[in-house]
Amino acid sequence: MGFIGAIVAVATIGGFLFGYDSGAVNGTQEGLKTAFNLSEAGLGFTVGSLLIGCFIGAFFAGRLADVMGRRNTMMVAAILFLGGALVQGSASSQMIFVIARLCGGMAVGAASVLSPAYISEVAPASIRGRLTTVQQIMIITGLTAAFLVNYFLAASAGVSTAQFWGGIEAWRWMYLMQSVPAAIFLIALFLIPESPRYLVSKGRQEKAESVLASLFGSSVARAKLDEIKATFAEDHRPRLSDIKGPNGGIRKVVWAGIMLAAFQQFVGINVIFYYGATLWQLAGFTEDQSLQINIVSGAVSIAACFLTIAVIDKIGRKPILLIGSAGMALTLFAMVFAFSQGTLDAAGKLQLPSSMGTLALIAANLYVIFFNFSWGPVMWVMLGEMFPNQIRGSGLAVNLPTGLSAKLAGVPYCPDAALSAVPTATGTGAAELAAPSCPAASQIGTANPSRCPR
């Protein structure tokens, strides 16, 4: 179990980088506007350009992983992470910055697909849900780390647009600091094995058995190898067209994954992830206070994920989604009420009564608790385990871009919480339709076919 834990820790560094890359921009927006003379629309596109890269990376990562392996594809993502961080922090124009952000986004998208898939293929079924939930913990830990680094840099420099180390503005250092975890990720990937499922798909059965022996012990390695071999169709290698069912339409399990991925983004979490500092400054808090609130939100998010780890393999996936949907809808409506009580000052800036500011702050943090207890981690768990071996890469290649497209629809503009509350409430019904009570797979890389839609 120690070796499995180490492998999972390395794989989820990709999730950490996902969160860090998403959180780093939350505090750099004044610097971006000043350096590149951006309008609000230009700022929205520059921030959201990461997600265009995410879409590309997520769409192609599953197929690339089937061709060149999970580990090798994650290495390519790590290189893109590293290069994107360095160029974003030193870009002299908006175009160069956006290109670097697209590269970073491709890495984020690839990591989003591959980390949960890799974990689901090396972890024992009895603890797979808990280990895959670590992916969400690492995303939130990355976000929180970015908030902490941003706060330290802005506080040390005075403001985010002031010069800091080496005469470089603090907001640029917020991007440059991403290169540290990116380099660690790249180096650590050399220390973990390739997925045994991929090795079997390429006919490298001896190597696969060796990896399985290191994971589960030599006494059960052969049985595990036979289980994996039995799950593959004999007639062809995995391909994108496998998402089609016998009648020619998209398989039900793929539609279920599409709904899960889309609703995870439509519930509105990106208001907090990408625009938290801006949101709280609009509510009357200073830049310093807003960055501190981001840190608090990140801390409570991590705590919520640990609660999920404790219960996900006991009460199941769908009940957690239903609880989270109801809680998020209530807290978002509370935020809507709080901000609706605000007025505009002479400069056109929002002002909230102190009691409403407190209500908005409490509601927002309760909201992120519900999200990170439910839709945040559970979506990753279900997408990692719900697809049969034959279509796992193709299914993820379709589902993850769907979620990223939903995110892209909202991130370029700071959305109204009222708009997010409606799909959050709808997500309660979607959980019933798209999240069947699929138990953890009884075999490595497989799901119970009698209870999961195909």
Protein backbone atom coordinates (compact mmCIF):
# COMPACT_ATOMS: atom_id res chain seq x y z
CA MET A 1 0.00 0.00 0.00
CA GLY A 2 2.95 2.32 0.59
CA PHE A 3 4.03 1.98 -3.05
CA ILE A 4 0.48 2.58 -4.27
CA GLY A 5 0.25 5.67 -2.08
CA ALA A 6 3.50 7.01 -3.50
CA ILE A 7 2.27 6.44 -7.06
CA VAL A 8 -1.02 8.21 -6.33
CA ALA A 9 0.88 11.10 -4.73
CA VAL A 10 2.94 11.59 -7.89
CA ALA A 11 -0.04 11.26 -10.23
CA THR A 12 -2.05 13.84 -8.31
CA ILE A 13 0.70 16.47 -8.59
CA GLY A 14 -1.02 17.08 -11.93
CA GLY A 15 -4.14 17.98 -9.97
CA PHE A 16 -2.07 20.32 -7.79
CA LEU A 17 -0.80 22.08 -10.91
CA PHE A 18 -4.37 22.29 -12.25
CA GLY A 19 -5.40 24.09 -9.07
CA TYR A 20 -2.27 26.24 -8.91
CA ASP A 21 -2.62 27.37 -12.52
CA SER A 22 -6.29 28.21 -11.93
CA GLY A 23 -5.59 30.03 -8.65
CA ALA A 24 -2.53 31.99 -9.79
CA VAL A 25 -4.64 34.24 -12.00
CA ASN A 26 -6.82 35.15 -9.00
CA GLY A 27 -4.78 38.15 -7.91
CA THR A 28 -2.92 39.04 -11.11
CA GLN A 29 -5.73 40.75 -12.96
CA GLU A 30 -4.68 44.32 -12.17
CA GLY A 31 -1.18 43.49 -13.37
CA LEU A 32 -2.49 41.97 -16.59
CA LYS A 33 -4.67 44.99 -17.32
CA THR A 34 -1.83 47.41 -16.63
CA ALA A 35 0.93 45.53 -18.48
CA PHE A 36 -1.08 44.73 -21.60
CA ASN A 37 -3.55 47.67 -21.54
CA LEU A 38 -6.53 45.32 -21.48
CA SER A 39 -10.21 46.17 -21.49
CA GLU A 40 -12.55 44.14 -19.29
CA ALA A 41 -13.42 41.97 -22.29
CA GLY A 42 -9.73 41.56 -23.13
CA LEU A 43 -8.99 40.58 -19.55
CA GLY A 44 -11.81 38.02 -19.66
CA PHE A 45 -10.40 36.44 -22.83
CA THR A 46 -6.85 36.44 -21.45
CA VAL A 47 -7.94 34.74 -18.23
CA GLY A 48 -10.24 32.31 -20.04
CA SER A 49 -7.70 31.38 -22.72
CA LEU A 50 -6.35 28.75 -20.33
CA LEU A 51 -9.58 26.85 -20.83
CA ILE A 52 -9.25 26.76 -24.61
CA GLY A 53 -5.98 24.95 -24.07
CA CYS A 54 -7.68 22.76 -21.47
CA PHE A 55 -10.25 21.69 -24.05
CA ILE A 56 -7.54 20.75 -26.55
CA GLY A 57 -5.46 18.91 -23.96
CA ALA A 58 -8.40 17.00 -22.52
CA PHE A 59 -9.71 15.98 -25.93
CA PHE A 60 -6.42 14.55 -27.18
CA ALA A 61 -4.96 13.27 -23.90
CA GLY A 62 -7.10 10.13 -23.72
CA ARG A 63 -6.16 9.03 -27.22
CA LEU A 64 -2.48 9.97 -26.73
CA ALA A 65 -2.47 7.96 -23.50
CA ASP A 66 -3.78 4.93 -25.40
CA VAL A 67 -1.02 5.36 -28.00
CA MET A 68 2.05 6.41 -26.02
CA GLY A 69 1.11 5.53 -22.44
CA ARG A 70 -0.28 7.31 -19.39
CA ARG A 71 3.08 8.17 -17.87
CA ASN A 72 4.66 9.45 -21.10
CA THR A 73 1.66 11.66 -21.82
CA MET A 74 1.80 13.08 -18.30
CA MET A 75 5.48 13.87 -18.91
CA VAL A 76 4.54 15.88 -21.98
CA ALA A 77 1.97 17.71 -19.85
CA ALA A 78 4.61 18.45 -17.20
CA ILE A 79 6.89 19.99 -19.85
CA LEU A 80 4.01 22.17 -21.07
CA PHE A 81 3.28 23.19 -17.47
CA LEU A 82 6.90 24.22 -16.96
CA GLY A 83 7.28 26.11 -20.22
CA GLY A 84 3.90 27.80 -19.88
CA ALA A 85 4.70 29.06 -16.37
CA LEU A 86 8.05 30.56 -17.37
CA VAL A 87 6.69 32.29 -20.48
CA GLN A 88 3.54 33.63 -18.76
CA GLY A 89 5.72 35.25 -16.10
CA SER A 90 8.01 36.90 -18.63
CA ALA A 91 5.63 37.65 -21.53
CA SER A 92 6.09 41.06 -23.14
CA SER A 93 2.76 41.11 -24.96
CA GLN A 94 -0.76 39.79 -24.58
CA MET A 95 -0.30 37.48 -27.59
CA ILE A 96 2.77 35.78 -26.10
CA PHE A 97 1.01 35.51 -22.74
CA VAL A 98 -2.09 33.93 -24.30
CA ILE A 99 0.00 31.43 -26.29
CA ALA A 100 1.81 30.41 -23.10
CA ARG A 101 -1.49 30.20 -21.28
CA LEU A 102 -2.86 27.96 -24.02
CA CYS A 103 0.14 25.63 -23.55
CA GLY A 104 -0.42 25.62 -19.81
CA GLY A 105 -4.09 24.92 -20.45
CA MET A 106 -3.28 21.91 -22.63
CA ALA A 107 -1.24 20.56 -19.73
CA VAL A 108 -4.12 21.20 -17.32
CA GLY A 109 -6.57 19.42 -19.63
CA ALA A 110 -4.28 16.43 -20.06
CA ALA A 111 -3.68 16.16 -16.32
CA SER A 112 -7.44 16.38 -15.70
CA VAL A 113 -7.98 13.31 -17.86
CA LEU A 114 -4.96 11.24 -16.98
CA SER A 115 -4.56 11.60 -13.22
CA PRO A 116 -7.94 10.05 -12.24
CA ALA A 117 -7.68 7.46 -15.02
CA TYR A 118 -4.19 6.41 -13.94
CA ILE A 119 -5.21 6.21 -10.28
CA SER A 120 -8.28 4.11 -11.12
CA GLU A 121 -6.03 1.66 -12.99
CA VAL A 122 -3.47 1.12 -10.23
CA ALA A 123 -5.56 1.40 -7.05
CA PRO A 124 -7.42 -1.51 -5.38
CA ALA A 125 -11.19 -1.33 -5.87
CA SER A 126 -11.84 -1.18 -2.11
CA ILE A 127 -10.08 2.17 -1.74
CA ARG A 128 -10.30 3.54 -5.28
CA GLY A 129 -12.94 6.14 -4.42
CA ARG A 130 -10.89 7.51 -1.55
CA LEU A 131 -7.67 7.62 -3.56
CA THR A 132 -9.30 9.26 -6.59
CA THR A 133 -10.77 11.89 -4.23
CA VAL A 134 -7.16 12.87 -3.53
CA GLN A 135 -7.23 14.39 -7.03
CA GLN A 136 -9.74 17.02 -5.87
CA ILE A 137 -7.79 17.59 -2.64
CA MET A 138 -4.70 18.28 -4.70
CA ILE A 139 -6.60 20.66 -6.99
CA ILE A 140 -7.83 22.61 -3.97
CA THR A 141 -4.40 22.42 -2.33
CA GLY A 142 -2.94 23.88 -5.52
CA LEU A 143 -5.51 26.67 -5.45
CA THR A 144 -4.78 27.39 -1.80
CA ALA A 145 -1.03 27.32 -2.41
CA ALA A 146 -1.49 29.85 -5.22
CA PHE A 147 -3.59 32.05 -2.92
CA LEU A 148 -0.89 31.88 -0.21
CA VAL A 149 1.92 32.64 -2.66
CA ASN A 150 -0.08 35.49 -4.23
CA TYR A 151 -0.80 36.94 -0.80
CA PHE A 152 2.86 36.73 0.26
CA LEU A 153 4.10 38.30 -2.98
CA ALA A 154 1.51 41.10 -2.99
CA ALA A 155 2.04 41.85 0.71
CA SER A 156 5.83 41.83 0.38
CA ALA A 157 5.80 44.09 -2.67
CA GLY A 158 3.05 46.36 -1.30
CA VAL A 159 0.64 45.70 -4.16
CA SER A 160 0.57 43.09 -6.91
CA THR A 161 1.65 45.60 -9.59
CA ALA A 162 4.78 46.76 -7.70
CA GLN A 163 8.26 45.49 -8.53
CA PHE A 164 9.68 42.70 -6.40
CA TRP A 165 12.60 40.25 -6.78
CA GLY A 166 14.96 41.11 -9.63
CA GLY A 167 12.92 44.16 -10.57
CA ILE A 168 10.10 41.90 -11.78
CA GLU A 169 6.54 42.83 -10.81
CA ALA A 170 4.94 40.72 -8.08
CA TRP A 171 2.10 39.58 -10.35
CA ARG A 172 4.63 38.10 -12.79
CA TRP A 173 6.24 36.15 -9.95
CA MET A 174 2.80 34.67 -9.24
CA TYR A 175 3.07 32.89 -12.60
CA LEU A 176 6.81 32.15 -12.42
CA MET A 177 6.36 30.31 -9.13
CA GLN A 178 4.32 27.66 -10.96
CA SER A 179 7.56 26.38 -12.46
CA VAL A 180 8.62 24.90 -9.10
CA PRO A 181 5.81 22.29 -8.76
CA ALA A 182 5.91 21.72 -12.53
CA ALA A 183 9.59 20.73 -12.34
CA ILE A 184 8.89 18.47 -9.35
CA PHE A 185 6.07 16.78 -11.29
CA LEU A 186 8.31 16.13 -14.29
CA ILE A 187 11.09 14.60 -12.19
CA ALA A 188 8.70 12.52 -10.06
CA LEU A 189 7.08 10.94 -13.13
CA PHE A 190 10.33 9.11 -13.85
CA LEU A 191 9.86 7.27 -10.55
CA ILE A 192 6.44 5.67 -11.19
CA PRO A 193 5.55 2.72 -13.46
CA GLU A 194 3.38 2.72 -16.53
CA SER A 195 -0.25 1.68 -16.10
CA PRO A 196 -0.61 -2.13 -16.27
CA ARG A 197 -3.81 -1.71 -18.31
CA TYR A 198 -1.88 0.19 -20.97
CA LEU A 199 0.91 -2.38 -20.95
CA VAL A 200 -1.60 -5.19 -21.52
CA SER A 201 -3.19 -3.25 -24.39
CA LYS A 202 0.23 -3.12 -26.06
CA GLY A 203 0.93 -6.81 -25.53
CA ARG A 204 3.63 -6.20 -22.91
CA GLN A 205 2.18 -8.74 -20.51
CA GLU A 206 5.39 -9.64 -18.68
CA LYS A 207 6.01 -6.00 -17.83
CA ALA A 208 2.38 -5.60 -16.80
CA GLU A 209 2.64 -8.59 -14.48
CA SER A 210 5.80 -7.14 -12.96
CA VAL A 211 4.03 -3.84 -12.25
CA LEU A 212 1.02 -5.66 -10.79
CA ALA A 213 3.34 -7.69 -8.54
CA SER A 214 4.86 -4.47 -7.19
CA LEU A 215 1.38 -3.07 -6.59
CA PHE A 216 -0.51 -6.05 -5.18
CA GLY A 217 2.09 -8.75 -4.52
CA SER A 218 3.32 -11.57 -6.69
CA SER A 219 0.74 -14.01 -5.32
CA VAL A 220 -2.17 -12.15 -6.97
CA ALA A 221 -0.40 -10.51 -9.91
CA ARG A 222 -1.29 -13.28 -12.37
CA ALA A 223 -4.98 -13.22 -11.40
CA LYS A 224 -5.07 -9.44 -11.79
CA LEU A 225 -3.41 -9.74 -15.19
CA ASP A 226 -6.02 -12.26 -16.32
CA GLU A 227 -8.80 -9.93 -15.13
CA ILE A 228 -7.44 -7.04 -17.18
CA LYS A 229 -6.99 -9.22 -20.28
CA ALA A 230 -10.55 -10.48 -19.95
CA THR A 231 -11.97 -6.94 -20.07
CA PHE A 232 -10.52 -6.14 -23.48
CA ALA A 233 -12.47 -6.83 -26.64
CA GLU A 234 -10.60 -9.24 -28.85
CA ASP A 235 -11.38 -7.60 -32.18
CA HIS A 236 -9.65 -4.21 -32.01
CA ARG A 237 -7.62 -1.71 -30.02
CA PRO A 238 -9.36 1.16 -28.23
CA ARG A 239 -10.56 3.95 -30.54
CA LEU A 240 -12.79 7.02 -30.34
CA SER A 241 -15.67 5.33 -32.18
CA ASP A 242 -16.00 2.91 -29.24
CA ILE A 243 -18.21 5.49 -27.50
CA LYS A 244 -20.99 4.41 -29.87
CA GLY A 245 -23.33 1.66 -28.75
CA PRO A 246 -24.65 -1.29 -30.76
CA ASN A 247 -27.49 0.84 -32.18
CA GLY A 248 -25.09 3.49 -33.49
CA GLY A 249 -25.89 6.14 -30.88
CA ILE A 250 -23.70 7.40 -28.06
CA ARG A 251 -23.59 4.94 -25.16
CA LYS A 252 -25.62 5.81 -22.08
CA VAL A 253 -22.53 5.74 -19.88
CA VAL A 254 -20.92 8.43 -22.06
CA TRP A 255 -24.02 10.65 -21.77
CA ALA A 256 -23.94 10.11 -18.02
CA GLY A 257 -20.33 11.28 -17.94
CA ILE A 258 -21.14 14.30 -20.11
CA MET A 259 -23.87 15.39 -17.68
CA LEU A 260 -21.59 14.95 -14.67
CA ALA A 261 -18.77 16.96 -16.25
CA ALA A 262 -21.06 19.76 -17.45
CA PHE A 263 -22.97 20.22 -14.21
CA GLN A 264 -19.78 20.26 -12.17
CA GLN A 265 -18.93 23.52 -13.98
CA PHE A 266 -22.44 24.99 -14.34
CA VAL A 267 -22.91 25.06 -10.56
CA GLY A 268 -20.84 28.25 -10.46
CA ILE A 269 -17.67 27.33 -8.59
CA ASN A 270 -15.56 29.29 -11.05
CA VAL A 271 -16.88 32.55 -9.61
CA ILE A 272 -14.83 31.73 -6.51
CA PHE A 273 -11.91 29.98 -8.25
CA TYR A 274 -11.14 32.67 -10.81
CA TYR A 275 -12.72 35.89 -9.56
CA GLY A 276 -12.67 35.51 -5.78
CA ALA A 277 -10.35 38.47 -5.15
CA THR A 278 -12.30 40.66 -7.59
CA LEU A 279 -15.63 39.60 -6.07
CA TRP A 280 -14.61 40.52 -2.53
CA GLN A 281 -13.12 43.84 -3.61
CA LEU A 282 -16.46 44.65 -5.23
CA ALA A 283 -18.06 43.80 -1.90
CA GLY A 284 -15.92 46.42 -0.17
CA PHE A 285 -12.88 44.47 1.01
CA THR A 286 -9.32 45.61 0.31
CA GLU A 287 -6.96 43.64 -1.96
CA ASP A 288 -5.12 42.35 1.10
CA GLN A 289 -8.36 41.24 2.79
CA SER A 290 -9.64 39.66 -0.43
CA LEU A 291 -6.51 37.55 -0.79
CA GLN A 292 -6.88 36.44 2.84
CA ILE A 293 -10.49 35.41 2.18
CA ASN A 294 -9.24 33.31 -0.75
CA ILE A 295 -6.92 31.47 1.64
CA VAL A 296 -9.81 30.78 4.05
CA SER A 297 -11.92 29.45 1.17
CA GLY A 298 -9.10 27.16 0.12
CA ALA A 299 -8.62 25.84 3.66
CA VAL A 300 -12.30 24.97 4.17
CA SER A 301 -12.35 23.35 0.71
CA ILE A 302 -9.53 21.00 1.68
CA ALA A 303 -11.34 20.10 4.91
CA ALA A 304 -14.49 19.28 2.92
CA CYS A 305 -12.53 16.95 0.63
CA PHE A 306 -11.18 15.02 3.61
CA LEU A 307 -14.77 14.55 4.77
CA THR A 308 -15.55 13.08 1.35
CA ILE A 309 -12.66 10.64 1.68
CA ALA A 310 -14.10 9.45 4.98
CA VAL A 311 -17.58 8.68 3.62
CA ILE A 312 -17.47 8.15 -0.16
CA ASP A 313 -16.84 4.41 -0.03
CA LYS A 314 -19.42 4.01 2.76
CA ILE A 315 -22.50 5.94 1.60
CA GLY A 316 -21.85 5.95 -2.16
CA ARG A 317 -21.39 8.49 -4.92
CA LYS A 318 -24.96 9.53 -5.74
CA PRO A 319 -26.09 10.46 -2.19
CA ILE A 320 -23.10 12.78 -1.89
CA LEU A 321 -23.99 14.47 -5.19
CA LEU A 322 -27.59 15.00 -4.03
CA ILE A 323 -26.53 16.49 -0.69
CA GLY A 324 -24.08 18.80 -2.42
CA SER A 325 -26.60 19.99 -5.01
CA ALA A 326 -29.14 20.95 -2.37
CA GLY A 327 -26.56 22.71 -0.19
CA MET A 328 -25.04 24.67 -3.07
CA ALA A 329 -28.44 25.86 -4.32
CA LEU A 330 -29.38 27.22 -0.88
CA THR A 331 -26.08 28.98 -0.29
CA LEU A 332 -25.99 30.50 -3.78
CA PHE A 333 -29.47 31.94 -3.29
CA ALA A 334 -28.24 33.39 0.02
CA MET A 335 -25.37 35.07 -1.85
CA VAL A 336 -27.81 36.44 -4.42
CA PHE A 337 -29.89 37.96 -1.64
CA ALA A 338 -26.84 39.53 0.03
CA PHE A 339 -25.51 41.16 -3.13
CA SER A 340 -29.00 42.32 -4.15
CA GLN A 341 -29.01 44.56 -1.08
CA GLY A 342 -25.98 46.51 -2.29
CA THR A 343 -25.90 50.02 -3.71
CA LEU A 344 -23.52 51.85 -6.05
CA ASP A 345 -21.35 54.74 -4.86
CA ALA A 346 -20.55 57.83 -6.89
CA ALA A 347 -17.74 55.97 -8.68
CA GLY A 348 -20.09 53.15 -9.63
CA LYS A 349 -18.57 50.65 -7.20
CA LEU A 350 -20.71 48.18 -5.30
CA GLN A 351 -21.23 48.81 -1.59
CA LEU A 352 -22.80 46.26 0.76
CA PRO A 353 -24.18 46.89 4.26
CA SER A 354 -21.84 45.25 6.78
CA SER A 355 -24.44 42.62 7.70
CA MET A 356 -24.90 41.67 4.04
CA GLY A 357 -21.14 41.50 3.52
CA THR A 358 -20.94 39.05 6.42
CA LEU A 359 -23.83 37.00 5.01
CA ALA A 360 -22.19 36.87 1.57
CA LEU A 361 -18.89 35.76 3.09
CA ILE A 362 -20.48 32.99 5.18
CA ALA A 363 -22.68 31.80 2.30
CA ALA A 364 -19.73 31.72 -0.10
CA ASN A 365 -17.63 29.59 2.23
CA LEU A 366 -20.54 27.22 2.92
CA TYR A 367 -21.00 26.97 -0.82
CA VAL A 368 -17.39 25.93 -1.44
CA ILE A 369 -17.70 23.39 1.40
CA PHE A 370 -20.73 21.79 -0.27
CA PHE A 371 -19.02 21.82 -3.68
CA ASN A 372 -15.80 20.30 -2.45
CA PHE A 373 -17.68 17.69 -0.46
CA SER A 374 -19.71 16.60 -3.47
CA TRP A 375 -19.46 17.60 -7.11
CA GLY A 376 -15.81 18.64 -6.87
CA PRO A 377 -14.28 15.24 -5.97
CA VAL A 378 -17.09 12.83 -6.87
CA MET A 379 -17.09 13.75 -10.56
CA TRP A 380 -13.41 12.75 -10.79
CA VAL A 381 -14.08 9.50 -8.95
CA MET A 382 -16.98 8.51 -11.19
CA LEU A 383 -15.33 9.43 -14.49
CA GLY A 384 -12.27 7.44 -13.48
CA GLU A 385 -14.19 4.25 -12.72
CA MET A 386 -17.47 4.24 -14.66
CA PHE A 387 -16.12 3.40 -18.14
CA PRO A 388 -15.28 -0.12 -19.31
CA ASN A 389 -11.60 -0.64 -20.20
CA GLN A 390 -12.33 -0.64 -23.93
CA ILE A 391 -13.69 2.93 -23.95
CA ARG A 392 -11.99 4.55 -20.95
CA GLY A 393 -9.61 6.71 -22.97
CA SER A 394 -12.26 7.64 -25.53
CA GLY A 395 -14.91 8.29 -22.87
CA LEU A 396 -12.65 10.63 -20.94
CA ALA A 397 -11.62 12.33 -24.19
CA VAL A 398 -15.27 13.26 -24.73
CA ASN A 399 -16.39 13.96 -21.15
CA LEU A 400 -13.58 16.17 -19.86
CA PRO A 401 -13.73 18.62 -22.80
CA THR A 402 -17.47 18.89 -22.12
CA GLY A 403 -16.76 20.07 -18.60
CA LEU A 404 -14.08 22.46 -19.79
CA SER A 405 -16.44 23.87 -22.43
CA ALA A 406 -18.98 24.51 -19.68
CA LYS A 407 -16.29 26.26 -17.67
CA LEU A 408 -15.21 28.33 -20.68
CA ALA A 409 -18.81 29.52 -21.09
CA GLY A 410 -18.62 31.29 -17.73
CA VAL A 411 -15.01 32.08 -16.83
CA PRO A 412 -14.31 34.93 -19.31
CA TYR A 413 -16.94 36.98 -17.48
CA CYS A 414 -17.65 37.13 -13.77
CA PRO A 415 -21.08 35.40 -13.71
CA ASP A 416 -24.03 36.31 -11.57
CA ALA A 417 -24.54 33.89 -8.71
CA ALA A 418 -28.25 33.82 -9.53
CA LEU A 419 -27.48 32.24 -12.89
CA SER A 420 -25.39 29.57 -11.19
CA ALA A 421 -28.06 28.74 -8.62
CA VAL A 422 -30.47 27.47 -11.27
CA PRO A 423 -28.20 24.76 -12.77
CA THR A 424 -27.07 23.90 -9.25
CA ALA A 425 -30.63 23.12 -8.27
CA THR A 426 -31.12 21.31 -11.58
CA GLY A 427 -28.02 19.27 -10.77
CA THR A 428 -30.02 17.54 -8.04
CA GLY A 429 -32.16 15.95 -10.74
CA ALA A 430 -29.16 15.42 -12.99
CA ALA A 431 -27.47 13.43 -10.25
CA GLU A 432 -30.39 11.02 -10.29
CA LEU A 433 -30.15 10.60 -14.07
CA ALA A 434 -26.42 10.82 -14.71
CA ALA A 435 -24.99 9.28 -11.57
CA PRO A 436 -26.31 5.76 -11.11
CA SER A 437 -25.30 3.94 -7.95
CA CYS A 438 -22.15 2.47 -9.48
CA PRO A 439 -20.19 0.71 -6.76
CA ALA A 440 -16.43 0.68 -6.80
CA ALA A 441 -15.21 -1.75 -9.42
CA SER A 442 -14.67 -5.28 -8.29
CA GLN A 443 -11.76 -5.67 -10.68
CA ILE A 444 -8.93 -3.33 -11.46
CA GLY A 445 -10.05 -1.02 -14.24
CA THR A 446 -13.59 -2.41 -14.50
CA ALA A 447 -17.02 -1.42 -13.27
CA ASN A 448 -20.04 -3.50 -12.30
CA PRO A 449 -21.87 -3.85 -15.63
CA SER A 450 -25.21 -4.66 -14.02
CA ARG A 451 -25.51 -1.32 -12.24
CA CYS A 452 -23.71 1.17 -14.48
CA PRO A 453 -25.33 2.40 -17.71
CA ARG A 454 -23.70 1.42 -20.96
